[in-house]
Amino acid sequence: MKKEQLIDLYYQMVLIRRVEERGAELYQAGKIGGFMHLY
């Protein structure tokens, strides 16, 4: 893979992780209803 592709994949992984972490925070604070798998 080219360096640009690797950087893009890394950026996407970091973004996904941030969304997961924020979702977990909101779920634990009771701001998201239903069920959320938190690993």
Protein backbone atom coordinates (compact mmCIF):
# COMPACT_ATOMS: atom_id res chain seq x y z
CA MET A 1 0.00 0.00 0.00
CA LYS A 2 1.06 3.54 -0.62
CA LYS A 3 1.87 5.83 2.28
CA GLU A 4 -1.17 8.02 1.54
CA GLN A 5 -3.48 4.99 1.72
CA LEU A 6 -1.99 3.90 5.04
CA ILE A 7 -2.40 7.39 6.48
CA ASP A 8 -6.02 7.47 5.32
CA LEU A 9 -6.74 4.07 6.89
CA TYR A 10 -5.11 5.16 10.15
CA TYR A 11 -7.19 8.36 10.17
CA GLN A 12 -10.36 6.32 9.67
CA MET A 13 -9.41 3.92 12.49
CA VAL A 14 -8.78 6.82 14.87
CA LEU A 15 -12.07 8.48 13.89
CA ILE A 16 -14.01 5.24 14.44
CA ARG A 17 -12.39 4.77 17.84
CA ARG A 18 -13.29 8.32 18.87
CA VAL A 19 -16.91 7.79 17.83
CA GLU A 20 -17.02 4.52 19.81
CA GLU A 21 -15.52 6.17 22.90
CA ARG A 22 -17.92 9.12 22.72
CA GLY A 23 -20.85 6.78 22.19
CA ALA A 24 -19.82 4.82 25.28
CA GLU A 25 -19.62 8.04 27.32
CA LEU A 26 -23.07 9.14 26.20
CA TYR A 27 -24.55 5.68 26.78
CA GLN A 28 -23.14 5.46 30.29
CA ALA A 29 -24.44 8.96 31.01
CA GLY A 30 -27.92 7.80 30.00
CA LYS A 31 -28.11 10.08 26.97
CA ILE A 32 -28.41 7.17 24.50
CA GLY A 33 -31.27 4.76 25.03
CA GLY A 34 -31.46 1.09 24.23
CA PHE A 35 -28.45 -1.22 24.23
CA MET A 36 -24.86 -0.51 23.26
CA HIS A 37 -22.13 -3.13 23.10
CA LEU A 38 -19.10 -1.71 24.93
CA TYR A 39 -16.70 -4.60 24.33
